[in-house]
Protein backbone atom coordinates (compact mmCIF):
# COMPACT_ATOMS: atom_id res chain seq x y z
CA MET A 1 -19.53 -10.22 -14.16
CA ASP A 2 -20.30 -13.71 -15.50
CA GLY A 3 -20.55 -17.06 -13.24
CA LYS A 4 -17.05 -18.39 -14.16
CA GLU A 5 -15.54 -15.11 -12.54
CA LYS A 6 -17.85 -15.44 -9.59
CA LEU A 7 -16.55 -18.83 -9.13
CA GLU A 8 -12.82 -17.57 -9.23
CA LEU A 9 -13.74 -14.94 -6.26
CA HIS A 10 -15.05 -17.78 -4.22
CA VAL A 11 -12.38 -19.57 -4.85
CA PHE A 12 -9.47 -17.05 -4.13
CA GLY A 13 -11.72 -15.78 -1.02
CA PHE A 14 -11.44 -19.08 0.87
CA PRO A 15 -9.68 -19.16 3.33
CA TYR A 16 -8.60 -15.76 3.46
CA GLU A 17 -10.54 -12.54 3.92
CA LEU A 18 -7.56 -10.43 3.05
CA ILE A 19 -4.76 -10.99 0.95
CA LEU A 20 -2.08 -8.33 1.65
CA TYR A 21 1.24 -7.41 -0.50
CA PHE A 22 3.89 -4.91 1.20
CA SER A 23 5.94 -3.15 -1.28
CA ARG A 24 8.21 -0.34 -1.00
CA ASP A 25 6.18 2.68 -2.07
CA HIS A 26 2.61 0.84 -1.68
CA ILE A 27 0.31 -1.53 0.16
CA SER A 28 -1.98 -3.58 -1.91
CA PHE A 29 -4.70 -5.61 -0.44
CA LEU A 30 -7.58 -7.91 -1.52
CA THR A 31 -10.32 -8.29 0.77
CA ASN A 32 -14.12 -8.72 1.42
CA LYS A 33 -14.04 -7.31 5.08
CA VAL A 34 -13.49 -3.62 4.37
CA ASP A 35 -16.15 -1.32 6.26
CA ALA A 36 -14.84 1.91 7.75
CA ASP A 37 -16.45 4.87 9.42
CA ASP A 38 -15.36 8.36 8.67
CA HIS A 39 -11.25 8.29 8.65
CA SER A 40 -8.50 9.72 6.48
CA HIS A 41 -4.91 8.23 5.80
CA HIS A 42 -1.72 9.48 4.31
CA TYR A 43 -1.96 7.34 1.33
CA ILE A 44 -3.41 7.75 -2.10
CA GLN A 45 -6.28 5.22 -2.27
CA PHE A 46 -7.07 3.11 -5.30
CA THR A 47 -10.05 0.91 -5.11
CA VAL A 48 -11.68 -1.39 -7.62
CA GLY A 49 -15.05 -3.43 -6.80
CA LEU A 50 -14.57 -7.00 -8.07
CA GLU A 51 -18.21 -7.93 -7.76
CA GLN A 52 -19.94 -4.73 -7.08
CA PRO A 53 -19.46 -1.08 -7.23
CA VAL A 54 -17.46 0.41 -4.66
CA SER A 55 -19.80 2.52 -2.15
CA ILE A 56 -17.92 5.18 -0.61
CA THR A 57 -18.76 8.54 0.91
CA VAL A 58 -16.19 11.49 0.43
CA GLU A 59 -16.56 14.44 2.67
CA GLY A 60 -19.95 13.51 3.08
CA GLN A 61 -21.05 12.94 -0.55
CA PRO A 62 -21.97 9.38 -1.37
CA ILE A 63 -20.30 7.88 -4.43
CA GLN A 64 -20.92 4.61 -6.40
CA ALA A 65 -18.27 3.54 -8.76
CA SER A 66 -16.51 0.48 -10.48
CA GLY A 67 -13.11 2.00 -9.99
CA LEU A 68 -11.62 4.99 -8.60
CA PHE A 69 -8.67 7.05 -7.18
CA LEU A 70 -9.05 9.01 -3.90
CA GLN A 71 -6.69 12.08 -2.95
CA SER A 72 -4.49 11.47 0.36
CA SER A 73 -5.83 12.59 3.84
CA VAL A 74 -9.37 13.29 2.42
CA ILE A 75 -12.22 12.17 5.07
CA HIS A 76 -14.11 9.41 3.77
CA GLN A 77 -16.40 6.42 4.72
CA LEU A 78 -15.97 2.78 2.63
CA GLN A 79 -19.12 0.38 2.69
CA GLY A 80 -17.67 -3.20 1.69
CA HIS A 81 -20.89 -5.17 1.85
CA GLN A 82 -18.95 -8.30 2.31
CA GLN A 83 -17.92 -8.14 -1.22
CA TRP A 84 -14.58 -8.47 -2.63
CA GLN A 85 -12.28 -5.34 -3.54
CA TRP A 86 -9.11 -4.52 -4.84
CA TYR A 87 -7.30 -1.84 -2.71
CA MET A 88 -3.83 -0.41 -3.50
CA LEU A 89 -2.60 2.73 -0.76
CA ILE A 90 0.24 4.39 -2.56
CA ASN A 91 2.58 6.84 -0.81
CA PRO A 92 1.78 10.08 -2.29
CA GLU A 93 5.44 11.35 -1.87
CA SER A 94 6.83 8.45 -3.76
CA THR A 95 6.99 8.34 -7.82
CA LEU A 96 4.24 6.52 -8.29
CA GLY A 97 2.28 8.31 -6.01
CA GLU A 98 3.56 11.59 -8.40
CA LEU A 99 2.68 9.85 -11.28
CA VAL A 100 -1.06 8.88 -10.01
CA LYS A 101 -1.43 12.60 -8.77
CA ARG A 102 -0.21 14.20 -12.10
CA ALA A 103 -2.62 11.61 -14.33
CA TYR A 104 -5.77 11.34 -12.10
CA LEU A 105 -6.10 13.78 -9.58
CA GLN A 106 -4.78 17.08 -10.68
CA ASP A 107 -8.48 18.76 -10.51
CA SER A 108 -10.09 16.84 -7.76
CA ASN A 109 -9.87 14.51 -4.70
CA VAL A 110 -11.66 12.02 -6.43
CA CYS A 111 -11.43 10.31 -10.22
CA VAL A 112 -13.77 7.81 -11.35
CA LEU A 113 -12.00 5.26 -13.61
CA GLY A 114 -13.36 4.33 -17.16
CA GLN A 115 -15.25 1.06 -17.46
CA ASP A 116 -12.83 -0.56 -19.98
CA GLN A 117 -9.68 0.20 -17.47
CA VAL A 118 -11.95 -1.16 -14.72
CA ASP A 119 -12.54 -4.38 -16.51
CA GLN A 120 -9.11 -4.81 -17.46
CA LEU A 121 -8.04 -4.35 -13.81
CA ARG A 122 -10.58 -6.78 -12.66
CA GLN A 123 -9.12 -9.20 -14.91
CA LEU A 124 -6.00 -8.85 -13.59
CA ALA A 125 -6.94 -9.18 -9.76
CA THR A 126 -9.05 -12.31 -10.50
CA LYS A 127 -6.55 -13.94 -12.82
CA GLN A 128 -3.20 -13.06 -11.38
CA LEU A 129 -3.09 -10.93 -8.37
CA TYR A 130 -4.72 -13.18 -5.84
CA SER A 131 -2.43 -16.25 -6.70
CA ILE A 132 1.05 -14.72 -6.36
CA THR A 133 3.47 -16.09 -4.32
CA SER A 134 6.51 -14.40 -5.38
CA GLN A 135 8.07 -10.63 -5.61
CA ASP A 136 8.67 -11.15 -9.52
CA ASP A 137 5.20 -12.22 -10.20
CA TYR A 138 4.02 -9.39 -7.96
CA ASN A 139 6.27 -6.97 -10.04
CA GLN A 140 4.66 -8.55 -13.10
CA SER A 141 1.00 -7.53 -11.91
CA VAL A 142 2.24 -4.00 -10.96
CA ARG A 143 3.72 -3.14 -14.59
CA ARG A 144 0.64 -4.58 -15.82
CA PHE A 145 -1.20 -2.26 -13.40
CA MET A 146 0.51 0.81 -14.76
CA GLN A 147 0.15 -0.08 -18.24
CA ILE A 148 -3.78 -0.18 -17.80
CA LEU A 149 -3.73 3.29 -15.79
CA ARG A 150 -1.18 4.50 -18.63
CA LEU A 151 1.43 5.50 -16.29
CA GLN A 152 4.95 5.91 -17.36
CA GLU A 153 6.64 2.82 -15.96
CA GLN A 154 9.95 3.85 -16.81
CA ASP A 155 9.80 6.70 -14.61
CA HIS A 156 9.03 4.41 -11.71
CA GLU A 157 12.02 2.43 -12.23
CA PHE A 158 14.48 2.85 -9.35
CA GLU A 159 17.49 5.14 -10.44
CA SER A 160 20.78 3.63 -8.98
CA ASP A 161 23.13 6.23 -7.22
CA PRO A 162 26.29 6.66 -8.93
CA ASP A 163 28.14 6.85 -5.67
CA ASP A 164 26.17 3.84 -4.26
CA ARG A 165 25.11 5.98 -1.40
CA ILE A 166 21.15 4.94 -1.71
CA GLY A 167 22.27 1.10 -2.16
CA ASP A 168 24.27 1.46 1.23
CA VAL A 169 21.33 3.33 2.90
CA LEU A 170 18.76 0.68 1.73
CA LEU A 171 21.04 -2.01 2.91
CA ALA A 172 21.11 -0.23 6.59
CA ILE A 173 17.61 -0.22 6.77
CA GLU A 174 17.36 -3.84 6.31
CA MET A 175 20.18 -4.36 8.60
CA PHE A 176 19.45 -1.88 11.31
CA PRO A 177 17.25 -3.44 14.45
CA SER A 178 14.10 -1.67 13.68
CA HIS A 179 13.59 -0.20 17.23
CA ASP A 180 16.99 1.94 16.39
CA LEU A 181 16.08 2.91 12.95
CA THR A 182 15.90 6.79 12.77
CA VAL A 183 16.73 9.28 9.77
CA ARG A 184 19.23 10.57 12.59
CA ALA A 185 20.87 7.29 13.15
CA LEU A 186 21.17 6.69 9.66
CA SER A 187 22.90 9.87 8.81
CA GLN A 188 25.20 9.12 11.51
CA HIS A 189 25.77 5.72 9.86
CA MET A 190 26.51 7.25 6.49
CA TYR A 191 28.87 10.25 7.83
CA ILE A 192 26.26 12.80 6.31
CA SER A 193 23.78 15.29 7.46
CA GLU A 194 19.98 14.51 8.04
CA SER A 195 19.12 17.05 5.61
CA ARG A 196 21.22 16.13 3.09
CA LEU A 197 20.59 12.38 3.16
CA SER A 198 16.67 12.85 3.16
CA HIS A 199 17.18 15.21 -0.21
CA ILE A 200 19.27 12.33 -1.65
CA PHE A 201 17.03 9.83 -0.80
CA LYS A 202 13.73 11.43 -1.82
CA GLN A 203 15.63 12.49 -5.06
CA LYS A 204 16.80 8.84 -5.97
CA VAL A 205 14.22 6.57 -4.57
CA GLY A 206 11.08 8.61 -5.06
CA ILE A 207 9.87 8.50 -1.07
CA SER A 208 10.77 10.53 1.81
CA LEU A 209 13.33 8.96 4.29
CA ALA A 210 10.96 9.26 7.06
CA SER A 211 7.89 7.98 5.41
CA TYR A 212 9.90 5.05 3.98
CA ILE A 213 10.95 4.25 7.57
CA VAL A 214 7.57 4.02 8.92
CA HIS A 215 6.59 2.00 6.13
CA HIS A 216 9.48 -0.30 6.75
CA LYS A 217 8.46 -0.42 10.37
CA LEU A 218 4.85 -1.13 9.37
CA ARG A 219 5.90 -4.08 7.05
CA THR A 220 8.51 -5.53 9.67
CA ALA A 221 5.78 -5.62 12.48
CA PHE A 222 3.11 -7.05 10.11
CA GLN A 223 5.71 -9.56 8.70
CA ALA A 224 6.40 -10.63 12.39
CA ILE A 225 2.85 -10.90 13.54
CA PHE A 226 1.89 -13.24 10.56
CA SER A 227 4.99 -15.28 11.83
CA GLY A 228 3.18 -16.02 15.06
CA VAL A 229 4.60 -13.14 17.23
CA SER A 230 2.41 -11.53 19.46
CA MET A 231 1.55 -7.99 18.42
CA THR A 232 2.75 -6.20 21.19
CA GLU A 233 6.32 -7.89 20.74
CA ALA A 234 6.18 -7.32 17.23
CA ALA A 235 5.29 -3.57 17.63
CA VAL A 236 7.88 -3.09 20.16
CA GLU A 237 10.51 -4.91 18.10
CA ALA A 238 9.74 -2.98 14.94
CA GLY A 239 10.30 0.59 16.85
CA PHE A 240 6.94 1.30 18.23
CA SER A 241 6.79 2.48 21.76
CA SER A 242 3.93 0.17 22.27
CA SER A 243 1.10 -1.98 20.68
CA SER A 244 -1.30 1.10 21.15
CA HIS A 245 1.35 3.12 19.20
CA PHE A 246 1.50 0.68 16.31
CA SER A 247 -2.29 0.22 16.26
CA LYS A 248 -2.67 3.80 16.03
CA THR A 249 -0.30 4.08 13.20
CA VAL A 250 -1.74 1.36 11.21
CA ARG A 251 -5.13 3.18 11.71
CA ASP A 252 -3.94 6.46 10.76
CA LYS A 253 -1.95 5.50 7.69
CA LEU A 254 -4.15 2.50 6.61
CA GLY A 255 -7.51 3.21 7.76
CA MET A 256 -8.15 -0.22 9.28
CA THR A 257 -7.24 -1.50 12.42
CA ALA A 258 -4.29 -3.64 13.11
CA ARG A 259 -6.43 -6.64 14.30
CA SER A 260 -8.64 -6.52 11.46
CA ILE A 261 -5.93 -6.82 9.13
CA VAL A 262 -4.18 -9.76 10.88
CA GLN A 263 -7.54 -11.82 11.19
CA ASN A 264 -8.03 -14.40 8.55
CA SER A 265 -5.50 -13.16 6.46
CA ARG A 266 -2.47 -14.03 4.16
CA PHE A 267 0.74 -11.52 3.99
CA LEU A 268 3.34 -11.19 1.40
CA LYS A 269 6.66 -8.90 1.32
CA VAL A 270 7.03 -7.95 -2.12
């Protein structure tokens, strides 16, 4: 990496240590503060080292790689060494998750990316991703991400339901108080069985409804916290039974503590 890129990393690293983007089917973040003991999480993990190769131990096996995909629910450790890295945690039940599994994780729990792909992904992160402030800009970055990785972008596009039930469900999810939001509540609202609603949602949106609701509640809680609401209040308002329930969910899903995510960070809902 040349001096210019190091300077750019220094610039986007100040004054934040983590820049967080919450999307419909994934969470993306740039950070220099990841260090995690043995843990696993629900998401497929994408990681690229922006300054140095990534140091990761997968099921006891140390690996160094410039970039990689890691299958969901695999025990691993992360050694960040205070170096900037780009992470994307992808819901494995989403269309994007299925595309990644098909292209990169069919034969192994870990796939090390080629150097040409890594170089392009580093450019994307350091030239574009870190400075994003709008959903349109972020969507453009995700499209470029998928092009670099040769994922079929058209398969990832949302297909509208002809009778607009899914549009109604998505609107209801946004309108429902988060603490009342469940699959049962949505099914009653839509006058359809829970199993039928879950099947249609998975078919059309590319992610299970239950997973989408948990993801939505996490996003709602973090959005409130970054707006100045206390963690306890934000957790309960988002539908978690307590701040400890929220913290455990964050740890289980993301492999990081809620407080480490919040401290000295910037948040963008995309």
